Amino acid sequence: MALQWCFFYSKNTLSTQKETLDTKIESLISDASYKADDVITSLENKLSELKIKNKKLQKS
């Protein structure tokens, strides 16, 4: 009986750890996606600023 309980506990613990790991992985992917979007937005804004400066310089 003790061996069966130990096996069940071990299996249950591994299942919980896997769920926790899966949750952490999903969170990391989500965070990376948001950060990538932030970087892209910043680069697009900077590109827009540089295009405006370039137009001004070409008119001079």
C-alpha atoms as a PDB file:
ATOM      1  CA  MET A   1       0.000   0.000   0.000  1.00  0.00           C
ATOM      2  CA  ALA A   2       2.801   2.429   0.868  1.00  0.00           C
ATOM      3  CA  LEU A   3       4.515   1.705  -2.443  1.00  0.00           C
ATOM      4  CA  GLN A   4       1.301   2.429  -4.339  1.00  0.00           C
ATOM      5  CA  TRP A   5       0.855   5.730  -2.489  1.00  0.00           C
ATOM      6  CA  CYS A   6       4.481   6.663  -3.189  1.00  0.00           C
ATOM      7  CA  PHE A   7       4.044   5.931  -6.915  1.00  0.00           C
ATOM      8  CA  PHE A   8       0.802   7.940  -7.033  1.00  0.00           C
ATOM      9  CA  TYR A   9       2.413  10.846  -5.173  1.00  0.00           C
ATOM     10  CA  SER A  10       5.449  10.771  -7.468  1.00  0.00           C
ATOM     11  CA  LYS A  11       3.277  10.641 -10.598  1.00  0.00           C
ATOM     12  CA  ASN A  12       1.060  13.430  -9.288  1.00  0.00           C
ATOM     13  CA  THR A  13       4.090  15.584  -8.433  1.00  0.00           C
ATOM     14  CA  LEU A  14       5.581  15.086 -11.896  1.00  0.00           C
ATOM     15  CA  SER A  15       2.262  16.032 -13.451  1.00  0.00           C
ATOM     16  CA  THR A  16       2.124  19.211 -11.366  1.00  0.00           C
ATOM     17  CA  GLN A  17       5.723  20.069 -12.246  1.00  0.00           C
ATOM     18  CA  LYS A  18       4.996  19.554 -15.946  1.00  0.00           C
ATOM     19  CA  GLU A  19       1.977  21.852 -15.743  1.00  0.00           C
ATOM     20  CA  THR A  20       4.084  24.453 -13.944  1.00  0.00           C
ATOM     21  CA  LEU A  21       6.816  24.180 -16.575  1.00  0.00           C
ATOM     22  CA  ASP A  22       4.263  24.462 -19.390  1.00  0.00           C
ATOM     23  CA  THR A  23       2.804  27.579 -17.769  1.00  0.00           C
ATOM     24  CA  LYS A  24       6.250  29.150 -17.393  1.00  0.00           C
ATOM     25  CA  ILE A  25       7.120  28.387 -21.016  1.00  0.00           C
ATOM     26  CA  GLU A  26       3.863  29.943 -22.236  1.00  0.00           C
ATOM     27  CA  SER A  27       4.559  33.013 -20.115  1.00  0.00           C
ATOM     28  CA  LEU A  28       8.083  33.364 -21.498  1.00  0.00           C
ATOM     29  CA  ILE A  29       6.859  33.058 -25.071  1.00  0.00           C
ATOM     30  CA  SER A  30       4.159  35.638 -24.429  1.00  0.00           C
ATOM     31  CA  ASP A  31       6.653  38.040 -22.820  1.00  0.00           C
ATOM     32  CA  ALA A  32       9.086  37.582 -25.700  1.00  0.00           C
ATOM     33  CA  SER A  33       6.316  38.296 -28.175  1.00  0.00           C
ATOM     34  CA  TYR A  34       5.344  41.526 -26.420  1.00  0.00           C
ATOM     35  CA  LYS A  35       8.976  42.601 -26.210  1.00  0.00           C
ATOM     36  CA  ALA A  36       9.466  41.869 -29.898  1.00  0.00           C
ATOM     37  CA  ASP A  37       6.395  43.987 -30.673  1.00  0.00           C
ATOM     38  CA  ASP A  38       7.808  46.803 -28.532  1.00  0.00           C
ATOM     39  CA  VAL A  39      11.142  46.638 -30.366  1.00  0.00           C
ATOM     40  CA  ILE A  40       9.421  46.668 -33.763  1.00  0.00           C
ATOM     41  CA  THR A  41       7.288  49.652 -32.759  1.00  0.00           C
ATOM     42  CA  SER A  42      10.336  51.554 -31.512  1.00  0.00           C
ATOM     43  CA  LEU A  43      12.243  50.819 -34.714  1.00  0.00           C
ATOM     44  CA  GLU A  44       9.293  51.924 -36.847  1.00  0.00           C
ATOM     45  CA  ASN A  45       9.056  55.181 -34.893  1.00  0.00           C
ATOM     46  CA  LYS A  46      12.780  55.807 -35.264  1.00  0.00           C
ATOM     47  CA  LEU A  47      12.601  55.053 -38.996  1.00  0.00           C
ATOM     48  CA  SER A  48       9.780  57.552 -39.369  1.00  0.00           C
ATOM     49  CA  GLU A  49      11.829  60.212 -37.566  1.00  0.00           C
ATOM     50  CA  LEU A  50      14.854  59.521 -39.769  1.00  0.00           C
ATOM     51  CA  LYS A  51      12.752  59.764 -42.933  1.00  0.00           C
ATOM     52  CA  ILE A  52      11.473  63.176 -41.850  1.00  0.00           C
ATOM     53  CA  LYS A  53      15.019  64.368 -41.076  1.00  0.00           C
ATOM     54  CA  ASN A  54      16.216  63.017 -44.413  1.00  0.00           C
ATOM     55  CA  LYS A  55      13.504  64.925 -46.314  1.00  0.00           C
ATOM     56  CA  LYS A  56      14.502  68.138 -44.533  1.00  0.00           C
ATOM     57  CA  LEU A  57      18.173  67.597 -45.366  1.00  0.00           C
ATOM     58  CA  GLN A  58      17.427  66.875 -49.036  1.00  0.00           C
ATOM     59  CA  LYS A  59      15.417  70.107 -49.361  1.00  0.00           C
ATOM     60  CA  SER A  60      18.322  72.165 -48.023  1.00  0.00           C
END
